[in-house]
Amino acid sequence: MSDEEIAYDESEHCKEVYAYFGLAYYQSGVIESGIANALLYGEFLLGWKQRIEREGKASFDRGVYEAEFDAYMQNQFAQTLGNLFKRLDKVIGIPTDLKSVIVEGKDLRDFLAHHYFRERAKDFVTRQGRDRMIAELAKMEAKFEEIDRSIQALLEPVKRNLGIREELLNKYMAEFSRKAYAGEPTD
């Protein structure tokens, strides 16, 4: 037996497949959240901006805004990925090439959720098969990241229209992360 064969731990290798699956599936969920957030900018926030421009700043009621915000986001996360995608196309408009990439991502996410381990059962029982699965899952995760970046890039004109500056978002996210890591309230 070679040193590599002695050091090989099949149980750990299986766990690694599950970890790559988890990361790929998580990243597919990031796309779903990204689309919900894109709708937030393109529909909800633009709607509030128009309302304030029409009625004046004095008409803004933070309590009403927060209640509507919470209800809006709850509704987004109750939607299927396909419905979110269709709404995003209506609200913001998605270029044809990005539409096909998002549809491909949706199909890939559905495959992961409903068929992946059943269709890879034969591969899962061998070391070489698990290695192929890990490589495949890593590619899927990278594909989902690429799709999310494309969706975020689609939002740039909407953010400019809203007056949202990236440096302000980054500052907010850094403070949010700091509080979260410190165990402080993040509201």
Protein backbone atom coordinates (compact mmCIF):
# COMPACT_ATOMS: atom_id res chain seq x y z
CA MET A 1 0.00 0.00 0.00
CA SER A 2 1.20 3.48 -0.82
CA ASP A 3 1.30 6.27 1.78
CA GLU A 4 -1.56 7.95 -0.08
CA GLU A 5 -3.76 4.86 0.19
CA ILE A 6 -2.99 4.53 3.90
CA ALA A 7 -3.73 8.24 4.54
CA TYR A 8 -6.98 8.17 2.56
CA ASP A 9 -10.09 8.36 4.73
CA GLU A 10 -13.22 7.42 2.80
CA SER A 11 -15.53 8.89 5.42
CA GLU A 12 -13.76 12.26 5.22
CA HIS A 13 -13.92 12.12 1.42
CA CYS A 14 -17.70 11.59 1.60
CA LYS A 15 -17.97 14.54 3.98
CA GLU A 16 -16.03 16.63 1.48
CA VAL A 17 -18.58 15.80 -1.23
CA TYR A 18 -21.37 16.88 1.11
CA ALA A 19 -19.49 20.10 1.93
CA TYR A 20 -19.09 20.95 -1.77
CA PHE A 21 -22.75 20.13 -2.34
CA GLY A 22 -23.72 22.40 0.56
CA LEU A 23 -21.62 25.27 -0.77
CA ALA A 24 -23.03 24.91 -4.29
CA TYR A 25 -26.60 24.74 -3.03
CA TYR A 26 -26.02 27.67 -0.67
CA GLN A 27 -24.66 29.74 -3.57
CA SER A 28 -27.77 28.88 -5.61
CA GLY A 29 -29.79 30.35 -2.74
CA VAL A 30 -27.71 33.52 -2.96
CA ILE A 31 -29.08 33.97 -6.48
CA GLU A 32 -32.62 33.74 -5.15
CA SER A 33 -31.88 36.31 -2.44
CA GLY A 34 -30.09 38.48 -5.00
CA ILE A 35 -33.16 38.55 -7.22
CA ALA A 36 -35.40 39.34 -4.23
CA ASN A 37 -33.06 42.19 -3.33
CA ALA A 38 -33.00 43.39 -6.93
CA LEU A 39 -36.79 43.56 -6.84
CA LEU A 40 -36.53 45.46 -3.56
CA TYR A 41 -34.45 48.13 -5.29
CA GLY A 42 -36.30 48.17 -8.60
CA GLU A 43 -39.84 48.01 -7.29
CA PHE A 44 -40.19 48.74 -3.58
CA LEU A 45 -37.51 51.40 -3.08
CA LEU A 46 -38.21 53.12 -6.40
CA GLY A 47 -41.89 53.15 -5.46
CA TRP A 48 -41.09 54.79 -2.13
CA LYS A 49 -38.80 57.30 -3.84
CA GLN A 50 -41.59 58.26 -6.23
CA ARG A 51 -44.06 58.51 -3.36
CA ILE A 52 -41.75 60.86 -1.44
CA GLU A 53 -41.10 62.96 -4.55
CA ARG A 54 -44.85 63.21 -5.13
CA GLU A 55 -46.00 63.81 -1.53
CA GLY A 56 -42.92 65.41 0.03
CA LYS A 57 -40.47 64.24 2.68
CA ALA A 58 -42.80 65.25 5.52
CA SER A 59 -45.22 62.51 4.42
CA PHE A 60 -42.66 59.78 5.15
CA ASP A 61 -43.70 57.58 8.07
CA ARG A 62 -40.92 55.25 9.22
CA GLY A 63 -43.36 52.82 10.88
CA VAL A 64 -45.40 52.47 7.69
CA TYR A 65 -42.22 52.11 5.65
CA GLU A 66 -40.83 49.39 7.91
CA ALA A 67 -44.12 47.45 7.96
CA GLU A 68 -44.39 47.62 4.16
CA PHE A 69 -40.73 46.67 3.81
CA ASP A 70 -41.16 43.59 6.02
CA ALA A 71 -44.32 42.52 4.19
CA TYR A 72 -42.67 43.07 0.81
CA MET A 73 -39.61 40.96 1.68
CA GLN A 74 -41.74 38.23 3.23
CA ASN A 75 -43.68 38.06 -0.02
CA GLN A 76 -40.48 37.86 -2.08
CA PHE A 77 -39.19 34.91 -0.11
CA ALA A 78 -42.53 33.13 -0.49
CA GLN A 79 -42.10 33.18 -4.29
CA THR A 80 -40.48 30.48 -6.38
CA LEU A 81 -37.21 31.28 -8.09
CA GLY A 82 -38.98 31.09 -11.45
CA ASN A 83 -41.60 33.64 -10.39
CA LEU A 84 -38.96 35.96 -8.96
CA PHE A 85 -37.07 35.74 -12.24
CA LYS A 86 -40.19 36.60 -14.27
CA ARG A 87 -40.96 39.58 -12.03
CA LEU A 88 -37.39 40.83 -12.22
CA ASP A 89 -37.64 40.81 -16.00
CA LYS A 90 -40.87 42.86 -15.83
CA VAL A 91 -39.57 45.31 -13.23
CA ILE A 92 -35.99 45.91 -14.36
CA GLY A 93 -35.67 44.11 -17.66
CA ILE A 94 -33.11 41.38 -18.15
CA PRO A 95 -30.92 41.26 -21.27
CA THR A 96 -31.51 38.14 -23.36
CA ASP A 97 -28.06 36.69 -22.73
CA LEU A 98 -28.47 37.05 -18.96
CA LYS A 99 -31.96 35.52 -19.14
CA SER A 100 -30.54 32.33 -20.59
CA VAL A 101 -27.80 32.25 -17.94
CA ILE A 102 -30.34 32.71 -15.13
CA VAL A 103 -32.58 29.99 -16.58
CA GLU A 104 -29.55 27.71 -16.78
CA GLY A 105 -28.78 28.53 -13.13
CA LYS A 106 -32.37 27.82 -12.10
CA ASP A 107 -32.28 24.47 -13.88
CA LEU A 108 -28.94 23.65 -12.27
CA ARG A 109 -30.31 24.59 -8.82
CA ASP A 110 -33.38 22.40 -9.42
CA PHE A 111 -31.12 19.51 -10.45
CA LEU A 112 -29.09 19.91 -7.27
CA ALA A 113 -32.17 20.04 -5.07
CA HIS A 114 -34.12 17.20 -6.63
CA HIS A 115 -31.86 14.84 -8.54
CA TYR A 116 -28.15 15.28 -7.84
CA PHE A 117 -27.40 12.51 -5.36
CA ARG A 118 -29.80 10.06 -6.97
CA GLU A 119 -28.18 10.56 -10.37
CA ARG A 120 -24.67 10.48 -8.93
CA ALA A 121 -25.23 7.42 -6.70
CA LYS A 122 -22.90 5.27 -8.83
CA ASP A 123 -20.15 7.91 -8.68
CA PHE A 124 -20.56 8.36 -4.94
CA VAL A 125 -19.47 4.81 -4.17
CA THR A 126 -15.97 5.19 -5.64
CA ARG A 127 -13.09 7.48 -4.82
CA GLN A 128 -12.71 8.58 -8.44
CA GLY A 129 -16.45 9.20 -8.71
CA ARG A 130 -16.44 11.35 -5.58
CA ASP A 131 -13.50 13.29 -6.99
CA ARG A 132 -15.55 13.94 -10.14
CA MET A 133 -18.50 15.03 -8.01
CA ILE A 134 -16.33 17.46 -6.05
CA ALA A 135 -14.99 18.97 -9.27
CA GLU A 136 -18.51 19.19 -10.72
CA LEU A 137 -19.93 20.80 -7.58
CA ALA A 138 -17.08 23.33 -7.46
CA LYS A 139 -17.91 24.33 -11.07
CA MET A 140 -21.58 24.67 -10.18
CA GLU A 141 -20.75 26.89 -7.20
CA ALA A 142 -18.58 29.10 -9.42
CA LYS A 143 -21.39 29.29 -11.99
CA PHE A 144 -23.87 30.42 -9.32
CA GLU A 145 -21.40 33.09 -8.13
CA GLU A 146 -21.04 34.33 -11.72
CA ILE A 147 -24.83 34.56 -12.10
CA ASP A 148 -25.14 36.49 -8.86
CA ARG A 149 -22.46 38.97 -9.96
CA SER A 150 -24.34 39.49 -13.23
CA ILE A 151 -27.60 40.17 -11.40
CA GLN A 152 -25.85 42.64 -9.10
CA ALA A 153 -24.30 44.42 -12.11
CA LEU A 154 -27.79 44.71 -13.61
CA LEU A 155 -28.77 46.73 -10.54
CA GLU A 156 -26.16 49.47 -10.90
CA PRO A 157 -28.37 51.89 -12.90
CA VAL A 158 -31.23 51.34 -10.43
CA LYS A 159 -28.95 52.08 -7.49
CA ARG A 160 -27.72 55.27 -9.17
CA ASN A 161 -31.32 56.33 -9.78
CA LEU A 162 -32.02 55.79 -6.09
CA GLY A 163 -28.88 57.71 -5.08
CA ILE A 164 -27.39 54.64 -3.42
CA ARG A 165 -23.61 54.83 -3.31
CA GLU A 166 -21.55 51.64 -3.13
CA GLU A 167 -19.18 53.09 -0.53
CA LEU A 168 -22.14 53.75 1.78
CA LEU A 169 -23.39 50.18 1.33
CA ASN A 170 -19.90 48.84 2.03
CA LYS A 171 -19.63 50.97 5.16
CA TYR A 172 -23.01 49.72 6.39
CA MET A 173 -22.11 46.08 5.66
CA ALA A 174 -18.78 46.42 7.47
CA GLU A 175 -20.55 47.80 10.55
CA PHE A 176 -23.23 45.10 10.35
CA SER A 177 -20.54 42.39 10.13
CA ARG A 178 -18.59 43.89 13.01
CA LYS A 179 -21.70 43.89 15.22
CA ALA A 180 -22.65 40.36 14.18
CA TYR A 181 -19.18 38.99 14.97
CA ALA A 182 -19.17 40.85 18.30
CA GLY A 183 -22.59 39.44 19.19
CA GLU A 184 -24.12 42.92 19.31
CA PRO A 185 -27.66 43.74 18.10
CA THR A 186 -27.67 44.48 14.35
CA ASP A 187 -30.96 46.35 14.03
